[in-house]
Amino acid sequence: MKQNFEPDSSATILFEHSKSAIRAEYILKKHGFKVMLAAPPPDIRKGCDLSVMVDAGQQIDVMKLLDNECIYYIDLIAYTCGQKPVELTTKKEIDGFIMVKSGNMKLTFSKTNGDIVNVSGGGCPDIPYIAQQLINTNLASPIKPLDIGSSLCAYLLDRALSEAKRTFMEESGC
């Protein structure tokens, strides 16, 4: 589900660890906040960063909740001068296949039957094993990357897999 945030009315929470951003997204959604997990703009990125984008009008309530939940963040920034977060998940169609990219992870599947034909990207040590388990399986019954991995790359691949399933269902009319 893609959230649309206007740059003038949004703020981004930066975290030292991706794990904190993932937990913050979960907690904030659980409490009814409109949030979007995104990569920070390139000029403030430090590596495999994730940030959480929130409505600027709710930033005080968001910060209070994160403080109460002991989720530590580095900073909260507002977007100015057209600066935008980098979309975390994108899709591209290539000759009868669809590649879903989430962060630095890519999952490619056949439009015709939903078979996963390729997994690439990432530098986390659990990805070769996860890729081996996913390739040549079908989107209807694959292993979830987070069931067998625990890295940021596994998390991003799990998001790519969810988007691939959703896309395949839409494309096939199921």
N, C-alpha and C. Protein backbone atom coordinates (compact mmCIF):
# COMPACT_ATOMS: atom_id res chain seq x y z
N MET A 1 0.85 -1.17 0.00
CA MET A 1 0.00 0.00 0.00
C MET A 1 0.90 1.23 0.00
N LYS A 2 0.77 2.03 -1.00
CA LYS A 2 1.63 3.21 -1.14
C LYS A 2 0.97 4.39 -0.45
N GLN A 3 1.71 5.06 0.39
CA GLN A 3 1.23 6.26 1.07
C GLN A 3 1.72 7.46 0.28
N ASN A 4 0.85 8.44 0.09
CA ASN A 4 1.27 9.67 -0.58
C ASN A 4 1.47 10.76 0.44
N PHE A 5 2.66 11.27 0.51
CA PHE A 5 2.99 12.35 1.42
C PHE A 5 3.39 13.55 0.59
N GLU A 6 2.89 14.70 0.95
CA GLU A 6 3.30 15.94 0.31
C GLU A 6 4.58 16.42 0.98
N PRO A 7 5.61 16.78 0.21
CA PRO A 7 6.86 17.24 0.81
C PRO A 7 6.69 18.38 1.80
N ASP A 8 5.72 19.27 1.58
CA ASP A 8 5.53 20.40 2.47
C ASP A 8 4.89 20.00 3.80
N SER A 9 4.28 18.82 3.86
CA SER A 9 3.56 18.46 5.07
C SER A 9 4.08 17.17 5.70
N SER A 10 5.31 16.83 5.42
CA SER A 10 5.84 15.59 5.96
C SER A 10 7.17 15.81 6.68
N ALA A 11 7.47 14.89 7.55
CA ALA A 11 8.74 14.91 8.28
C ALA A 11 9.29 13.50 8.26
N THR A 12 10.58 13.38 8.32
CA THR A 12 11.23 12.08 8.29
C THR A 12 12.01 11.89 9.57
N ILE A 13 11.83 10.71 10.15
CA ILE A 13 12.54 10.34 11.38
C ILE A 13 13.73 9.48 10.97
N LEU A 14 14.91 9.91 11.39
CA LEU A 14 16.14 9.18 11.08
C LEU A 14 16.53 8.32 12.27
N PHE A 15 17.02 7.12 11.99
CA PHE A 15 17.41 6.17 13.03
C PHE A 15 18.85 5.75 12.82
N GLU A 16 19.49 5.37 13.91
CA GLU A 16 20.86 4.88 13.81
C GLU A 16 20.89 3.47 13.21
N HIS A 17 19.85 2.68 13.51
CA HIS A 17 19.80 1.29 13.04
C HIS A 17 18.50 1.04 12.29
N SER A 18 18.57 0.30 11.20
CA SER A 18 17.40 -0.04 10.40
C SER A 18 16.36 -0.78 11.23
N LYS A 19 16.82 -1.62 12.14
CA LYS A 19 15.92 -2.38 13.00
C LYS A 19 14.99 -1.44 13.77
N SER A 20 15.50 -0.30 14.22
CA SER A 20 14.69 0.68 14.94
C SER A 20 13.64 1.30 14.03
N ALA A 21 14.00 1.56 12.77
CA ALA A 21 13.04 2.13 11.81
C ALA A 21 11.91 1.14 11.54
N ILE A 22 12.26 -0.13 11.39
CA ILE A 22 11.25 -1.17 11.14
C ILE A 22 10.30 -1.29 12.32
N ARG A 23 10.86 -1.27 13.52
CA ARG A 23 10.02 -1.34 14.73
C ARG A 23 9.15 -0.10 14.86
N ALA A 24 9.70 1.07 14.57
CA ALA A 24 8.94 2.32 14.65
C ALA A 24 7.77 2.29 13.67
N GLU A 25 8.01 1.82 12.45
CA GLU A 25 6.93 1.72 11.46
C GLU A 25 5.80 0.85 12.01
N TYR A 26 6.16 -0.30 12.55
CA TYR A 26 5.16 -1.22 13.09
C TYR A 26 4.36 -0.57 14.23
N ILE A 27 5.05 0.02 15.19
CA ILE A 27 4.39 0.64 16.36
C ILE A 27 3.49 1.80 15.93
N LEU A 28 4.00 2.64 15.04
CA LEU A 28 3.22 3.80 14.61
C LEU A 28 1.96 3.38 13.85
N LYS A 29 2.09 2.40 12.97
CA LYS A 29 0.91 1.90 12.25
C LYS A 29 -0.09 1.28 13.23
N LYS A 30 0.42 0.54 14.20
CA LYS A 30 -0.43 -0.10 15.21
C LYS A 30 -1.25 0.95 15.97
N HIS A 31 -0.69 2.14 16.14
CA HIS A 31 -1.38 3.22 16.85
C HIS A 31 -2.13 4.16 15.90
N GLY A 32 -2.27 3.76 14.64
CA GLY A 32 -3.10 4.50 13.69
C GLY A 32 -2.46 5.66 12.96
N PHE A 33 -1.15 5.81 13.06
CA PHE A 33 -0.48 6.89 12.33
C PHE A 33 -0.28 6.49 10.88
N LYS A 34 -0.38 7.48 9.99
CA LYS A 34 -0.07 7.28 8.58
C LYS A 34 1.44 7.39 8.45
N VAL A 35 2.11 6.32 8.09
CA VAL A 35 3.57 6.31 7.99
C VAL A 35 4.02 5.64 6.70
N MET A 36 5.24 5.92 6.32
CA MET A 36 5.83 5.26 5.15
C MET A 36 7.31 5.01 5.45
N LEU A 37 7.72 3.77 5.30
CA LEU A 37 9.13 3.42 5.44
C LEU A 37 9.81 3.82 4.13
N ALA A 38 10.88 4.55 4.21
CA ALA A 38 11.56 5.06 3.02
C ALA A 38 13.06 5.12 3.27
N ALA A 39 13.79 5.24 2.19
CA ALA A 39 15.23 5.50 2.31
C ALA A 39 15.37 7.02 2.45
N PRO A 40 16.25 7.48 3.33
CA PRO A 40 16.44 8.93 3.46
C PRO A 40 16.98 9.52 2.15
N PRO A 41 16.80 10.83 1.95
CA PRO A 41 17.38 11.44 0.76
C PRO A 41 18.89 11.16 0.70
N PRO A 42 19.42 11.02 -0.50
CA PRO A 42 20.85 10.66 -0.66
C PRO A 42 21.83 11.53 0.11
N ASP A 43 21.54 12.82 0.25
CA ASP A 43 22.52 13.71 0.90
C ASP A 43 22.60 13.53 2.41
N ILE A 44 21.66 12.79 3.01
CA ILE A 44 21.75 12.52 4.46
C ILE A 44 21.86 11.03 4.76
N ARG A 45 21.94 10.21 3.72
CA ARG A 45 22.04 8.77 3.89
C ARG A 45 23.44 8.38 4.36
N LYS A 46 23.50 7.34 5.20
CA LYS A 46 24.79 6.90 5.73
C LYS A 46 25.15 5.49 5.27
N GLY A 47 24.32 4.83 4.50
CA GLY A 47 24.58 3.46 4.07
C GLY A 47 23.26 2.77 3.80
N CYS A 48 23.02 1.68 4.49
CA CYS A 48 21.76 0.93 4.34
C CYS A 48 20.72 1.50 5.28
N ASP A 49 20.49 2.79 5.20
CA ASP A 49 19.57 3.46 6.12
C ASP A 49 18.12 3.25 5.73
N LEU A 50 17.27 3.26 6.73
CA LEU A 50 15.84 3.36 6.55
C LEU A 50 15.37 4.50 7.42
N SER A 51 14.34 5.17 6.97
CA SER A 51 13.74 6.22 7.78
C SER A 51 12.23 6.02 7.74
N VAL A 52 11.54 6.73 8.62
CA VAL A 52 10.08 6.66 8.66
C VAL A 52 9.55 8.05 8.38
N MET A 53 8.69 8.13 7.40
CA MET A 53 8.09 9.40 7.02
C MET A 53 6.72 9.51 7.69
N VAL A 54 6.44 10.66 8.29
CA VAL A 54 5.18 10.89 8.99
C VAL A 54 4.60 12.24 8.58
N ASP A 55 3.33 12.43 8.87
CA ASP A 55 2.70 13.72 8.64
C ASP A 55 3.32 14.73 9.59
N ALA A 56 3.74 15.86 9.06
CA ALA A 56 4.42 16.88 9.89
C ALA A 56 3.53 17.38 11.02
N GLY A 57 2.23 17.39 10.81
CA GLY A 57 1.32 17.84 11.85
C GLY A 57 1.22 16.89 13.03
N GLN A 58 1.70 15.67 12.86
CA GLN A 58 1.63 14.68 13.93
C GLN A 58 2.99 14.40 14.54
N GLN A 59 4.01 15.14 14.16
CA GLN A 59 5.37 14.81 14.59
C GLN A 59 5.56 14.83 16.10
N ILE A 60 4.89 15.72 16.82
CA ILE A 60 5.04 15.77 18.28
C ILE A 60 4.47 14.49 18.90
N ASP A 61 3.26 14.08 18.45
CA ASP A 61 2.64 12.85 18.96
C ASP A 61 3.47 11.63 18.61
N VAL A 62 4.04 11.63 17.40
CA VAL A 62 4.90 10.52 16.96
C VAL A 62 6.13 10.42 17.86
N MET A 63 6.78 11.55 18.12
CA MET A 63 7.99 11.55 18.95
C MET A 63 7.67 11.10 20.38
N LYS A 64 6.53 11.53 20.92
CA LYS A 64 6.14 11.10 22.26
C LYS A 64 5.93 9.59 22.31
N LEU A 65 5.24 9.04 21.29
CA LEU A 65 4.99 7.60 21.26
C LEU A 65 6.31 6.83 21.15
N LEU A 66 7.20 7.26 20.27
CA LEU A 66 8.49 6.58 20.12
C LEU A 66 9.29 6.64 21.42
N ASP A 67 9.25 7.79 22.11
CA ASP A 67 9.94 7.91 23.40
C ASP A 67 9.33 6.94 24.42
N ASN A 68 8.00 6.88 24.47
CA ASN A 68 7.31 5.97 25.41
C ASN A 68 7.61 4.50 25.12
N GLU A 69 7.83 4.18 23.85
CA GLU A 69 8.11 2.80 23.44
C GLU A 69 9.61 2.49 23.46
N CYS A 70 10.41 3.46 23.90
CA CYS A 70 11.88 3.30 23.94
C CYS A 70 12.47 2.98 22.57
N ILE A 71 11.94 3.62 21.55
CA ILE A 71 12.49 3.50 20.20
C ILE A 71 13.30 4.77 19.96
N TYR A 72 14.60 4.61 19.90
CA TYR A 72 15.50 5.76 19.82
C TYR A 72 15.73 6.17 18.37
N TYR A 73 15.65 7.46 18.14
CA TYR A 73 15.87 8.02 16.82
C TYR A 73 16.94 9.10 16.91
N ILE A 74 17.57 9.36 15.79
CA ILE A 74 18.65 10.35 15.74
C ILE A 74 18.08 11.75 15.59
N ASP A 75 17.13 11.92 14.68
CA ASP A 75 16.63 13.25 14.37
C ASP A 75 15.31 13.13 13.65
N LEU A 76 14.61 14.24 13.58
CA LEU A 76 13.39 14.36 12.79
C LEU A 76 13.59 15.57 11.90
N ILE A 77 13.44 15.37 10.58
CA ILE A 77 13.67 16.48 9.66
C ILE A 77 12.43 16.73 8.82
N ALA A 78 12.21 17.97 8.45
CA ALA A 78 11.12 18.34 7.55
C ALA A 78 11.72 18.51 6.16
N TYR A 79 10.93 18.23 5.14
CA TYR A 79 11.43 18.37 3.78
C TYR A 79 11.28 19.81 3.32
N THR A 80 12.34 20.32 2.74
CA THR A 80 12.33 21.66 2.18
C THR A 80 12.97 21.62 0.80
N CYS A 81 12.71 22.63 0.01
CA CYS A 81 13.34 22.77 -1.31
C CYS A 81 13.12 21.56 -2.21
N GLY A 82 11.95 20.93 -2.13
CA GLY A 82 11.63 19.82 -3.00
C GLY A 82 12.34 18.51 -2.68
N GLN A 83 13.07 18.45 -1.61
CA GLN A 83 13.74 17.22 -1.20
C GLN A 83 12.67 16.16 -0.92
N LYS A 84 12.88 14.95 -1.35
CA LYS A 84 11.89 13.90 -1.15
C LYS A 84 12.58 12.63 -0.68
N PRO A 85 11.82 11.75 0.00
CA PRO A 85 12.40 10.45 0.33
C PRO A 85 12.52 9.63 -0.94
N VAL A 86 13.35 8.64 -0.89
CA VAL A 86 13.53 7.75 -2.02
C VAL A 86 12.53 6.61 -1.87
N GLU A 87 11.73 6.37 -2.91
CA GLU A 87 10.73 5.31 -2.87
C GLU A 87 11.43 3.98 -2.59
N LEU A 88 10.93 3.26 -1.61
CA LEU A 88 11.58 2.02 -1.18
C LEU A 88 11.29 0.86 -2.12
N THR A 89 10.08 0.80 -2.68
CA THR A 89 9.70 -0.32 -3.53
C THR A 89 9.25 0.19 -4.89
N THR A 90 9.85 -0.37 -5.95
CA THR A 90 9.48 -0.01 -7.32
C THR A 90 9.34 -1.28 -8.14
N LYS A 91 8.69 -1.15 -9.30
CA LYS A 91 8.49 -2.29 -10.21
C LYS A 91 8.91 -1.91 -11.62
N LYS A 92 9.33 -2.92 -12.37
CA LYS A 92 9.68 -2.71 -13.77
C LYS A 92 9.36 -3.98 -14.54
N GLU A 93 8.67 -3.82 -15.69
CA GLU A 93 8.35 -4.97 -16.53
C GLU A 93 9.43 -5.14 -17.58
N ILE A 94 9.89 -6.40 -17.74
CA ILE A 94 10.95 -6.70 -18.69
C ILE A 94 10.60 -7.99 -19.42
N ASP A 95 10.19 -7.90 -20.69
CA ASP A 95 9.94 -9.06 -21.55
C ASP A 95 9.16 -10.20 -20.87
N GLY A 96 7.99 -9.94 -20.36
CA GLY A 96 7.17 -10.99 -19.77
C GLY A 96 7.50 -11.30 -18.32
N PHE A 97 8.41 -10.55 -17.75
CA PHE A 97 8.78 -10.71 -16.35
C PHE A 97 8.58 -9.38 -15.64
N ILE A 98 8.37 -9.44 -14.34
CA ILE A 98 8.27 -8.23 -13.54
C ILE A 98 9.33 -8.29 -12.46
N MET A 99 10.14 -7.23 -12.39
CA MET A 99 11.15 -7.13 -11.35
C MET A 99 10.64 -6.15 -10.30
N VAL A 100 10.60 -6.61 -9.06
CA VAL A 100 10.20 -5.76 -7.95
C VAL A 100 11.46 -5.46 -7.15
N LYS A 101 11.72 -4.18 -6.96
CA LYS A 101 12.91 -3.77 -6.23
C LYS A 101 12.47 -3.10 -4.93
N SER A 102 13.02 -3.56 -3.83
CA SER A 102 12.77 -2.94 -2.53
C SER A 102 14.13 -2.66 -1.91
N GLY A 103 14.44 -1.37 -1.77
CA GLY A 103 15.78 -1.02 -1.31
C GLY A 103 16.79 -1.52 -2.32
N ASN A 104 17.74 -2.30 -1.85
CA ASN A 104 18.76 -2.84 -2.76
C ASN A 104 18.48 -4.28 -3.17
N MET A 105 17.31 -4.83 -2.79
CA MET A 105 16.96 -6.20 -3.13
C MET A 105 16.00 -6.23 -4.32
N LYS A 106 16.22 -7.22 -5.21
CA LYS A 106 15.37 -7.36 -6.39
C LYS A 106 14.86 -8.80 -6.49
N LEU A 107 13.57 -8.91 -6.81
CA LEU A 107 12.94 -10.22 -7.02
C LEU A 107 12.22 -10.15 -8.36
N THR A 108 12.52 -11.11 -9.25
CA THR A 108 11.92 -11.13 -10.58
C THR A 108 11.07 -12.38 -10.72
N PHE A 109 9.84 -12.18 -11.28
CA PHE A 109 8.94 -13.32 -11.47
C PHE A 109 8.30 -13.26 -12.85
N SER A 110 7.82 -14.43 -13.29
CA SER A 110 7.16 -14.55 -14.58
C SER A 110 5.74 -14.01 -14.48
N LYS A 111 5.35 -13.14 -15.43
CA LYS A 111 3.99 -12.61 -15.45
C LYS A 111 2.98 -13.72 -15.75
N THR A 112 3.40 -14.73 -16.49
CA THR A 112 2.47 -15.77 -16.90
C THR A 112 2.05 -16.71 -15.79
N ASN A 113 3.02 -17.19 -15.01
CA ASN A 113 2.67 -18.21 -14.02
C ASN A 113 3.07 -17.86 -12.58
N GLY A 114 3.75 -16.74 -12.36
CA GLY A 114 4.12 -16.34 -11.00
C GLY A 114 5.34 -17.05 -10.45
N ASP A 115 6.09 -17.73 -11.31
CA ASP A 115 7.31 -18.40 -10.84
C ASP A 115 8.41 -17.36 -10.58
N ILE A 116 9.09 -17.49 -9.47
CA ILE A 116 10.21 -16.61 -9.14
C ILE A 116 11.43 -17.12 -9.91
N VAL A 117 12.00 -16.24 -10.74
CA VAL A 117 13.11 -16.66 -11.59
C VAL A 117 14.46 -16.10 -11.16
N ASN A 118 14.45 -15.02 -10.35
CA ASN A 118 15.72 -14.46 -9.93
C ASN A 118 15.55 -13.64 -8.65
N VAL A 119 16.58 -13.68 -7.83
CA VAL A 119 16.70 -12.84 -6.64
C VAL A 119 18.11 -12.28 -6.68
N SER A 120 18.23 -10.95 -6.52
CA SER A 120 19.57 -10.37 -6.56
C SER A 120 19.65 -9.16 -5.65
N GLY A 121 20.88 -8.72 -5.42
CA GLY A 121 21.13 -7.54 -4.60
C GLY A 121 21.49 -7.89 -3.17
N GLY A 122 21.78 -6.87 -2.42
CA GLY A 122 22.08 -7.05 -1.00
C GLY A 122 23.48 -7.56 -0.76
N GLY A 123 23.92 -7.36 0.44
CA GLY A 123 25.24 -7.82 0.83
C GLY A 123 25.20 -8.55 2.15
N CYS A 124 24.01 -8.88 2.61
CA CYS A 124 23.87 -9.55 3.90
C CYS A 124 24.16 -11.05 3.75
N PRO A 125 24.74 -11.65 4.78
CA PRO A 125 25.18 -13.04 4.66
C PRO A 125 24.06 -14.07 4.50
N ASP A 126 22.81 -13.74 4.86
CA ASP A 126 21.73 -14.72 4.74
C ASP A 126 21.08 -14.73 3.36
N ILE A 127 21.40 -13.78 2.50
CA ILE A 127 20.72 -13.67 1.20
C ILE A 127 21.01 -14.82 0.24
N PRO A 128 22.23 -15.32 0.10
CA PRO A 128 22.42 -16.46 -0.82
C PRO A 128 21.52 -17.65 -0.46
N TYR A 129 21.40 -17.96 0.81
CA TYR A 129 20.55 -19.07 1.23
C TYR A 129 19.08 -18.77 0.94
N ILE A 130 18.64 -17.55 1.27
CA ILE A 130 17.24 -17.18 1.03
C ILE A 130 16.94 -17.23 -0.47
N ALA A 131 17.84 -16.69 -1.29
CA ALA A 131 17.65 -16.70 -2.74
C ALA A 131 17.52 -18.13 -3.25
N GLN A 132 18.36 -19.01 -2.76
CA GLN A 132 18.32 -20.42 -3.17
C GLN A 132 16.96 -21.05 -2.84
N GLN A 133 16.38 -20.66 -1.72
CA GLN A 133 15.09 -21.20 -1.31
C GLN A 133 13.92 -20.62 -2.13
N LEU A 134 14.08 -19.40 -2.64
CA LEU A 134 13.00 -18.73 -3.36
C LEU A 134 12.97 -19.02 -4.86
N ILE A 135 14.15 -19.08 -5.48
CA ILE A 135 14.21 -19.25 -6.93
C ILE A 135 13.59 -20.60 -7.31
N ASN A 136 12.80 -20.56 -8.39
CA ASN A 136 12.06 -21.73 -8.91
C ASN A 136 10.88 -22.13 -8.03
N THR A 137 10.44 -21.24 -7.15
CA THR A 137 9.19 -21.48 -6.43
C THR A 137 8.15 -20.54 -7.01
N ASN A 138 6.90 -20.73 -6.63
CA ASN A 138 5.82 -19.90 -7.14
C ASN A 138 5.39 -18.89 -6.09
N LEU A 139 4.93 -17.74 -6.54
CA LEU A 139 4.48 -16.70 -5.63
C LEU A 139 3.32 -17.16 -4.74
N ALA A 140 2.61 -18.19 -5.18
CA ALA A 140 1.48 -18.69 -4.38
C ALA A 140 1.94 -19.37 -3.10
N SER A 141 3.15 -19.91 -3.10
CA SER A 141 3.58 -20.65 -1.90
C SER A 141 5.08 -20.57 -1.64
N PRO A 142 5.65 -19.38 -1.68
CA PRO A 142 7.08 -19.30 -1.39
C PRO A 142 7.35 -19.26 0.11
N ILE A 143 8.57 -19.51 0.46
CA ILE A 143 9.02 -19.33 1.85
C ILE A 143 9.15 -17.82 2.05
N LYS A 144 8.74 -17.32 3.19
CA LYS A 144 8.91 -15.89 3.48
C LYS A 144 10.36 -15.65 3.92
N PRO A 145 11.02 -14.68 3.31
CA PRO A 145 12.41 -14.40 3.67
C PRO A 145 12.63 -14.17 5.17
N LEU A 146 11.68 -13.54 5.85
CA LEU A 146 11.87 -13.28 7.28
C LEU A 146 11.67 -14.53 8.14
N ASP A 147 11.16 -15.62 7.53
CA ASP A 147 11.06 -16.89 8.26
C ASP A 147 12.41 -17.59 8.34
N ILE A 148 13.32 -17.25 7.40
CA ILE A 148 14.62 -17.94 7.38
C ILE A 148 15.81 -16.97 7.45
N GLY A 149 15.54 -15.68 7.52
CA GLY A 149 16.61 -14.69 7.62
C GLY A 149 16.20 -13.58 8.57
N SER A 150 17.18 -12.80 8.99
CA SER A 150 16.87 -11.74 9.95
C SER A 150 17.58 -10.42 9.65
N SER A 151 18.18 -10.31 8.49
CA SER A 151 18.94 -9.10 8.14
C SER A 151 18.03 -8.04 7.52
N LEU A 152 18.58 -6.85 7.34
CA LEU A 152 17.87 -5.79 6.64
C LEU A 152 17.56 -6.26 5.22
N CYS A 153 18.48 -6.93 4.58
CA CYS A 153 18.26 -7.43 3.22
C CYS A 153 17.09 -8.42 3.19
N ALA A 154 16.99 -9.28 4.20
CA ALA A 154 15.87 -10.23 4.28
C ALA A 154 14.56 -9.47 4.43
N TYR A 155 14.56 -8.42 5.24
CA TYR A 155 13.37 -7.60 5.43
C TYR A 155 12.95 -6.95 4.11
N LEU A 156 13.92 -6.37 3.39
CA LEU A 156 13.62 -5.73 2.12
C LEU A 156 13.14 -6.74 1.09
N LEU A 157 13.74 -7.92 1.07
CA LEU A 157 13.31 -8.98 0.16
C LEU A 157 11.89 -9.44 0.50
N ASP A 158 11.56 -9.49 1.79
CA ASP A 158 10.22 -9.84 2.22
C ASP A 158 9.21 -8.80 1.70
N ARG A 159 9.57 -7.53 1.76
CA ARG A 159 8.71 -6.47 1.21
C ARG A 159 8.56 -6.63 -0.30
N ALA A 160 9.65 -6.95 -1.00
CA ALA A 160 9.60 -7.16 -2.45
C ALA A 160 8.69 -8.34 -2.78
N LEU A 161 8.78 -9.40 -2.00
CA LEU A 161 7.95 -10.59 -2.21
C LEU A 161 6.47 -10.25 -2.03
N SER A 162 6.14 -9.50 -0.99
CA SER A 162 4.74 -9.09 -0.76
C SER A 162 4.21 -8.27 -1.92
N GLU A 163 5.02 -7.34 -2.42
CA GLU A 163 4.61 -6.51 -3.55
C GLU A 163 4.49 -7.35 -4.81
N ALA A 164 5.38 -8.32 -5.00
CA ALA A 164 5.31 -9.21 -6.16
C ALA A 164 4.01 -10.02 -6.13
N LYS A 165 3.66 -10.54 -4.96
CA LYS A 165 2.40 -11.30 -4.84
C LYS A 165 1.20 -10.42 -5.20
N ARG A 166 1.18 -9.20 -4.64
CA ARG A 166 0.08 -8.28 -4.90
C ARG A 166 -0.01 -7.95 -6.39
N THR A 167 1.14 -7.67 -6.99
CA THR A 167 1.19 -7.34 -8.42
C THR A 167 0.72 -8.50 -9.27
N PHE A 168 1.18 -9.71 -8.95
CA PHE A 168 0.78 -10.89 -9.74
C PHE A 168 -0.72 -11.12 -9.64
N MET A 169 -1.28 -10.93 -8.45
CA MET A 169 -2.74 -11.11 -8.27
C MET A 169 -3.49 -10.08 -9.12
N GLU A 170 -3.03 -8.86 -9.15
CA GLU A 170 -3.68 -7.82 -9.96
C GLU A 170 -3.55 -8.13 -11.45
N GLU A 171 -2.35 -8.52 -11.88
CA GLU A 171 -2.08 -8.80 -13.29
C GLU A 171 -2.87 -10.01 -13.79
N SER A 172 -3.01 -11.02 -12.94
CA SER A 172 -3.68 -12.25 -13.37
C SER A 172 -5.18 -12.20 -13.14
N GLY A 173 -5.67 -11.13 -12.51
CA GLY A 173 -7.10 -10.97 -12.29
C GLY A 173 -7.67 -11.86 -11.19
N CYS A 174 -6.82 -12.34 -10.29
CA CYS A 174 -7.29 -13.19 -9.20
C CYS A 174 -7.89 -12.37 -8.08
